[in-house]
Amino acid sequence: MGQTADVTDSLRPGVLFDVDGTLLDTNYLHTLAWWQAFRDTGHDDVGMWTLHRSIGIGSEELVERVLGHADEETVQAHSRRYDALSDQVTAFPRAAELLAGCAERGLTVVLATSGKKKDLDWMVPAIGADEGIIGGATTSDDVEAAKPRPDLLETAVRDHGLDPARTVAVGDTVWDVKAARAAGLPCVAMLCGGIDRAALEGAGAVAAYDDPAALLSALAGSPIGRL
């Protein structure tokens, strides 16, 4: 019994941040890249509106959701198209300050992204957070199943020594919210990814804010501040 208490006491409170559409203004760039990729591979009837609603799940899962079957050629085409747009990626206002604000409250800040580990090489500098603010990262390379499955968030909690009872996820899509709920975590939603408040709250988000700046301004009274 004492051993269990010791293990529990060693776990830390934390915040799991999605990156695309939450900290970085990338969702519409991804939508454009996917639209180009589907056209590159002969799927001219796929509209951007369909693709935007699917942003936030893994690449293979997105293609299967849209086409009804796997198509690795389209996945690779998206990677090429997005690479060509990556120089246009910017962080949302005060994204880095939001991470710093969480860290100042004693929370471990972890990036939990459906991107690849190699994407962290440009994602982290694009966010602009000072060295030491980000306590770690978990990517799709670390799990077998992407969002909306809970694997990414569960792995992030486990690998970074977080207490599930004192950890909040932050994301911008219904897939983020569903993944958090499946992992047993509350999810704070961002509207800056282009998904409306009703859809995010309907999926189970415990709160919704316009963007990182809005969440930072309300941090003390937010679900994160209450940790």
Protein backbone atom coordinates (compact mmCIF):
# COMPACT_ATOMS: atom_id res chain seq x y z
CA MET A 1 0.00 0.00 0.00
CA GLY A 2 2.84 2.36 0.91
CA GLN A 3 4.63 1.53 -2.33
CA THR A 4 1.57 2.50 -4.37
CA ALA A 5 1.36 5.82 -2.53
CA ASP A 6 5.05 6.49 -3.21
CA VAL A 7 4.60 5.86 -6.92
CA THR A 8 1.54 8.10 -7.07
CA ASP A 9 3.33 10.88 -5.19
CA SER A 10 6.19 10.81 -7.70
CA LEU A 11 3.89 11.52 -10.64
CA ARG A 12 3.71 15.12 -11.86
CA PRO A 13 0.86 17.35 -13.02
CA GLY A 14 1.08 18.24 -16.69
CA VAL A 15 -0.43 19.61 -19.86
CA LEU A 16 -0.38 17.72 -23.16
CA PHE A 17 -0.40 20.14 -26.09
CA ASP A 18 -1.37 19.18 -29.59
CA VAL A 19 0.74 21.23 -32.04
CA ASP A 20 -0.89 21.52 -35.48
CA GLY A 21 -3.81 23.95 -35.27
CA THR A 22 -3.33 24.43 -31.53
CA LEU A 23 0.07 26.11 -31.20
CA LEU A 24 0.95 26.46 -34.89
CA ASP A 25 -1.37 27.90 -37.57
CA THR A 26 -1.09 24.91 -39.89
CA ASN A 27 -4.52 23.36 -40.38
CA TYR A 28 -5.36 25.21 -43.56
CA LEU A 29 -1.88 24.54 -44.95
CA HIS A 30 -2.48 20.84 -44.27
CA THR A 31 -5.89 21.09 -45.94
CA LEU A 32 -4.31 22.60 -49.04
CA ALA A 33 -1.51 20.03 -49.07
CA TRP A 34 -4.00 17.15 -48.77
CA TRP A 35 -6.20 18.61 -51.52
CA GLN A 36 -3.16 18.82 -53.80
CA ALA A 37 -2.08 15.31 -52.81
CA PHE A 38 -5.45 13.75 -53.65
CA ARG A 39 -5.46 15.50 -57.01
CA ASP A 40 -1.88 14.36 -57.63
CA THR A 41 -3.02 10.76 -57.19
CA GLY A 42 -6.14 11.00 -59.34
CA HIS A 43 -8.78 11.78 -56.72
CA ASP A 44 -10.06 15.06 -58.14
CA ASP A 45 -13.49 14.83 -56.50
CA VAL A 46 -12.23 15.28 -52.91
CA GLY A 47 -13.17 18.74 -51.62
CA MET A 48 -11.24 20.88 -49.17
CA TRP A 49 -14.22 20.99 -46.79
CA THR A 50 -14.08 17.22 -46.42
CA LEU A 51 -10.36 17.32 -45.79
CA HIS A 52 -10.49 20.10 -43.22
CA ARG A 53 -12.91 18.08 -41.09
CA SER A 54 -10.41 15.19 -41.12
CA ILE A 55 -7.33 17.19 -40.14
CA GLY A 56 -5.97 16.00 -36.81
CA ILE A 57 -6.01 12.25 -37.36
CA GLY A 58 -3.04 10.27 -38.66
CA SER A 59 -2.18 10.42 -42.35
CA GLU A 60 -3.01 6.79 -43.09
CA GLU A 61 -6.26 7.08 -41.15
CA LEU A 62 -7.20 10.27 -42.98
CA VAL A 63 -6.77 8.66 -46.39
CA GLU A 64 -8.80 5.62 -45.36
CA ARG A 65 -11.52 7.86 -43.93
CA VAL A 66 -11.78 9.85 -47.18
CA LEU A 67 -11.32 7.06 -49.74
CA GLY A 68 -12.54 4.05 -47.82
CA HIS A 69 -9.24 2.26 -48.38
CA ALA A 70 -5.51 2.74 -47.87
CA ASP A 71 -3.42 4.64 -50.43
CA GLU A 72 0.23 5.09 -49.49
CA GLU A 73 0.87 7.09 -52.67
CA THR A 74 -1.49 9.81 -51.45
CA VAL A 75 0.13 9.81 -48.01
CA GLN A 76 3.54 10.36 -49.59
CA ALA A 77 2.15 13.02 -51.91
CA HIS A 78 0.85 14.94 -48.89
CA SER A 79 4.30 14.87 -47.29
CA ARG A 80 5.85 16.35 -50.43
CA ARG A 81 3.17 18.99 -50.81
CA TYR A 82 3.30 20.01 -47.16
CA ASP A 83 7.09 20.25 -47.16
CA ALA A 84 6.74 22.85 -49.90
CA LEU A 85 4.43 24.91 -47.67
CA SER A 86 6.27 24.51 -44.37
CA ASP A 87 8.14 27.79 -44.73
CA GLN A 88 4.78 29.56 -44.30
CA VAL A 89 4.10 28.04 -40.87
CA THR A 90 3.71 30.55 -38.04
CA ALA A 91 2.85 30.19 -34.37
CA PHE A 92 -0.41 31.56 -33.04
CA PRO A 93 0.00 34.74 -30.98
CA ARG A 94 1.44 34.11 -27.50
CA ALA A 95 1.74 30.35 -28.04
CA ALA A 96 5.22 30.30 -26.50
CA GLU A 97 4.03 32.45 -23.59
CA LEU A 98 1.20 29.99 -22.93
CA LEU A 99 3.67 27.12 -22.59
CA ALA A 100 5.84 29.25 -20.31
CA GLY A 101 2.79 30.17 -18.21
CA CYS A 102 1.98 26.50 -17.71
CA ALA A 103 5.57 25.68 -16.77
CA GLU A 104 5.65 28.58 -14.28
CA ARG A 105 2.70 26.95 -12.52
CA GLY A 106 4.77 23.83 -11.98
CA LEU A 107 3.13 21.85 -14.77
CA THR A 108 5.14 19.62 -17.09
CA VAL A 109 4.57 20.76 -20.66
CA VAL A 110 4.55 17.91 -23.17
CA LEU A 111 3.94 18.14 -26.92
CA ALA A 112 1.66 15.32 -28.09
CA THR A 113 1.53 15.46 -31.87
CA SER A 114 0.35 13.18 -34.65
CA GLY A 115 3.37 14.40 -36.61
CA LYS A 116 6.58 12.45 -36.95
CA LYS A 117 9.55 12.74 -34.61
CA LYS A 118 11.53 14.48 -37.35
CA ASP A 119 8.85 17.19 -37.50
CA LEU A 120 9.89 18.34 -34.03
CA ASP A 121 13.06 19.73 -35.64
CA TRP A 122 11.01 22.55 -37.17
CA MET A 123 7.92 22.53 -34.94
CA VAL A 124 9.73 23.43 -31.73
CA PRO A 125 11.64 26.40 -33.23
CA ALA A 126 8.43 27.56 -34.93
CA ILE A 127 6.64 27.65 -31.56
CA GLY A 128 9.44 29.79 -30.21
CA ALA A 129 9.39 28.58 -26.60
CA ASP A 130 12.54 29.10 -24.55
CA GLU A 131 14.79 26.11 -23.99
CA GLY A 132 13.69 24.11 -20.97
CA ILE A 133 10.01 25.12 -21.13
CA ILE A 134 9.00 22.01 -23.07
CA GLY A 135 9.45 18.99 -20.85
CA GLY A 136 9.17 16.39 -23.61
CA ALA A 137 7.33 15.23 -26.69
CA THR A 138 5.44 12.20 -27.92
CA THR A 139 4.85 11.70 -31.64
CA SER A 140 3.14 9.24 -33.95
CA ASP A 141 6.45 7.38 -34.18
CA ASP A 142 5.97 6.34 -30.55
CA VAL A 143 2.58 4.65 -31.03
CA GLU A 144 0.83 2.23 -33.36
CA ALA A 145 -2.51 4.05 -33.58
CA ALA A 146 -3.06 7.78 -34.11
CA LYS A 147 -5.84 10.05 -32.84
CA PRO A 148 -8.74 9.63 -32.20
CA ARG A 149 -7.37 6.51 -30.51
CA PRO A 150 -5.99 7.38 -27.04
CA ASP A 151 -2.59 5.74 -27.60
CA LEU A 152 -0.67 8.99 -28.17
CA LEU A 153 -1.95 10.67 -25.01
CA GLU A 154 -1.68 7.56 -22.87
CA THR A 155 1.91 7.08 -24.00
CA ALA A 156 2.72 10.73 -23.31
CA VAL A 157 1.33 10.46 -19.77
CA ARG A 158 3.23 7.25 -19.08
CA ASP A 159 6.56 8.16 -20.66
CA HIS A 160 6.76 11.59 -19.03
CA GLY A 161 5.73 10.50 -15.56
CA LEU A 162 2.49 12.46 -15.43
CA ASP A 163 -0.39 11.96 -13.04
CA PRO A 164 -3.54 11.25 -15.14
CA ALA A 165 -5.68 12.79 -12.41
CA ARG A 166 -3.74 16.06 -12.70
CA THR A 167 -3.17 16.26 -16.44
CA VAL A 168 -5.12 18.21 -19.06
CA ALA A 169 -4.96 17.83 -22.84
CA VAL A 170 -5.20 20.83 -25.18
CA GLY A 171 -6.25 20.42 -28.82
CA ASP A 172 -8.22 21.96 -31.65
CA THR A 173 -10.15 19.13 -33.31
CA VAL A 174 -12.89 16.72 -32.33
CA TRP A 175 -10.27 13.99 -32.77
CA ASP A 176 -8.16 15.58 -30.02
CA VAL A 177 -11.18 15.74 -27.74
CA LYS A 178 -12.20 12.14 -28.44
CA ALA A 179 -8.65 10.88 -27.90
CA ALA A 180 -8.45 12.72 -24.57
CA ARG A 181 -11.79 11.36 -23.39
CA ALA A 182 -10.72 7.83 -24.34
CA ALA A 183 -7.53 8.36 -22.34
CA GLY A 184 -9.52 9.57 -19.34
CA LEU A 185 -8.25 13.15 -19.60
CA PRO A 186 -10.18 16.44 -19.76
CA CYS A 187 -9.58 18.35 -22.98
CA VAL A 188 -9.41 22.12 -23.37
CA ALA A 189 -10.27 23.04 -26.96
CA MET A 190 -8.93 25.79 -29.21
CA LEU A 191 -11.09 27.36 -31.93
CA CYS A 192 -8.08 28.55 -33.95
CA GLY A 193 -7.90 25.25 -35.83
CA GLY A 194 -11.14 26.13 -37.60
CA ILE A 195 -13.58 23.81 -35.79
CA ASP A 196 -16.53 25.56 -34.18
CA ARG A 197 -17.22 25.65 -30.46
CA ALA A 198 -20.42 23.60 -30.68
CA ALA A 199 -18.66 20.68 -32.38
CA LEU A 200 -15.79 20.70 -29.89
CA GLU A 201 -17.99 20.98 -26.82
CA GLY A 202 -20.35 18.43 -28.30
CA ALA A 203 -17.43 16.01 -28.55
CA GLY A 204 -16.74 16.54 -24.85
CA ALA A 205 -14.35 19.49 -24.49
CA VAL A 206 -14.50 20.87 -20.94
CA ALA A 207 -13.78 24.43 -22.12
CA ALA A 208 -13.02 26.26 -25.38
CA TYR A 209 -10.90 29.34 -26.10
CA ASP A 210 -10.26 31.25 -29.29
CA ASP A 211 -6.49 30.71 -29.38
CA PRO A 212 -3.39 30.47 -27.14
CA ALA A 213 -3.55 34.18 -26.34
CA ALA A 214 -7.13 33.85 -25.09
CA LEU A 215 -6.29 30.81 -22.98
CA LEU A 216 -3.23 32.54 -21.53
CA SER A 217 -5.33 35.56 -20.53
CA ALA A 218 -7.81 33.27 -18.74
CA LEU A 219 -5.27 30.71 -17.52
CA ALA A 220 -5.82 31.17 -13.79
CA GLY A 221 -9.50 30.31 -14.01
CA SER A 222 -9.17 27.66 -16.71
CA PRO A 223 -9.11 23.89 -16.19
CA ILE A 224 -5.32 24.16 -16.48
CA GLY A 225 -5.11 26.84 -13.81
CA ARG A 226 -7.22 24.71 -11.49
CA LEU A 227 -4.64 21.91 -11.58
